[in-house]
Amino acid sequence: MNASSGTWTYTLDNTAHQALAEGEHHTETMLVTVTDENGAKVTQQVTIDVEGTNDRPKITSHAQKAQ
């Protein structure tokens, strides 16, 4: 968490999700606690849903003219 802006970043552990099939879901849930300058705390559950995709390579090309 960035204390000056109040923002946080989630970084996916790619090795833990590499085996997900296309359309398969994995849910990660974590508790996030924030403390303000007066010592007041708030805890909230954050849920991240990761969906597997088709990892096969795609080749695209514009139409070519025969020469």
Protein backbone atom coordinates (compact mmCIF):
# COMPACT_ATOMS: atom_id res chain seq x y z
CA MET A 1 0.00 0.00 0.00
CA ASN A 2 1.19 3.47 -0.84
CA ALA A 3 0.73 5.46 2.38
CA SER A 4 0.81 8.87 0.70
CA SER A 5 -1.82 8.11 -1.98
CA GLY A 6 -3.85 5.41 -0.23
CA THR A 7 -3.63 3.13 -3.26
CA TRP A 8 -2.61 -0.50 -3.29
CA THR A 9 -1.58 -2.92 -6.01
CA TYR A 10 -2.39 -6.59 -6.52
CA THR A 11 0.22 -8.64 -8.38
CA LEU A 12 -0.90 -12.00 -9.75
CA ASP A 13 1.32 -14.97 -8.94
CA ASN A 14 1.39 -16.22 -12.54
CA THR A 15 2.97 -19.58 -11.66
CA ALA A 16 0.08 -20.37 -9.30
CA HIS A 17 -2.50 -19.72 -12.03
CA GLN A 18 -0.72 -20.93 -15.17
CA ALA A 19 -2.64 -24.23 -15.20
CA LEU A 20 -6.11 -22.63 -15.29
CA ALA A 21 -8.06 -23.84 -18.29
CA GLU A 22 -9.93 -21.39 -20.49
CA GLY A 23 -12.98 -20.20 -18.55
CA GLU A 24 -11.85 -21.81 -15.28
CA HIS A 25 -11.93 -19.50 -12.25
CA HIS A 26 -9.80 -19.23 -9.13
CA THR A 27 -10.81 -16.88 -6.34
CA GLU A 28 -8.37 -15.25 -3.95
CA THR A 29 -9.72 -13.61 -0.82
CA MET A 30 -7.73 -11.45 1.58
CA LEU A 31 -8.36 -9.07 4.45
CA VAL A 32 -7.04 -5.54 4.06
CA THR A 33 -6.69 -3.32 7.12
CA VAL A 34 -6.18 0.43 6.88
CA THR A 35 -5.20 2.65 9.81
CA ASP A 36 -5.69 6.42 9.60
CA GLU A 37 -3.57 9.13 11.21
CA ASN A 38 -5.75 8.99 14.37
CA GLY A 39 -5.25 5.26 14.83
CA ALA A 40 -8.75 4.28 13.66
CA LYS A 41 -8.72 0.96 11.79
CA VAL A 42 -11.02 -0.44 9.14
CA THR A 43 -10.76 -4.00 7.80
CA GLN A 44 -12.40 -5.06 4.55
CA GLN A 45 -12.44 -8.34 2.67
CA VAL A 46 -11.14 -8.06 -0.89
CA THR A 47 -11.95 -10.79 -3.41
CA ILE A 48 -10.03 -11.23 -6.67
CA ASP A 49 -11.46 -13.51 -9.38
CA VAL A 50 -8.89 -14.87 -11.84
CA GLU A 51 -10.21 -16.39 -15.07
CA GLY A 52 -8.13 -18.67 -17.28
CA THR A 53 -7.77 -17.74 -20.94
CA ASN A 54 -6.71 -19.41 -24.14
CA ASP A 55 -2.92 -19.26 -24.10
CA ARG A 56 -2.47 -20.68 -27.59
CA PRO A 57 -0.65 -18.34 -29.92
CA LYS A 58 -2.71 -16.45 -32.47
CA ILE A 59 -1.24 -15.40 -35.79
CA THR A 60 -2.90 -12.52 -37.57
CA SER A 61 -1.91 -10.84 -40.78
CA HIS A 62 -3.39 -8.35 -43.18
CA ALA A 63 -4.38 -9.63 -46.59
CA GLN A 64 -1.38 -10.11 -48.87
CA LYS A 65 -1.26 -9.65 -52.64
CA ALA A 66 0.44 -12.32 -54.72
CA GLN A 67 3.36 -10.95 -56.71
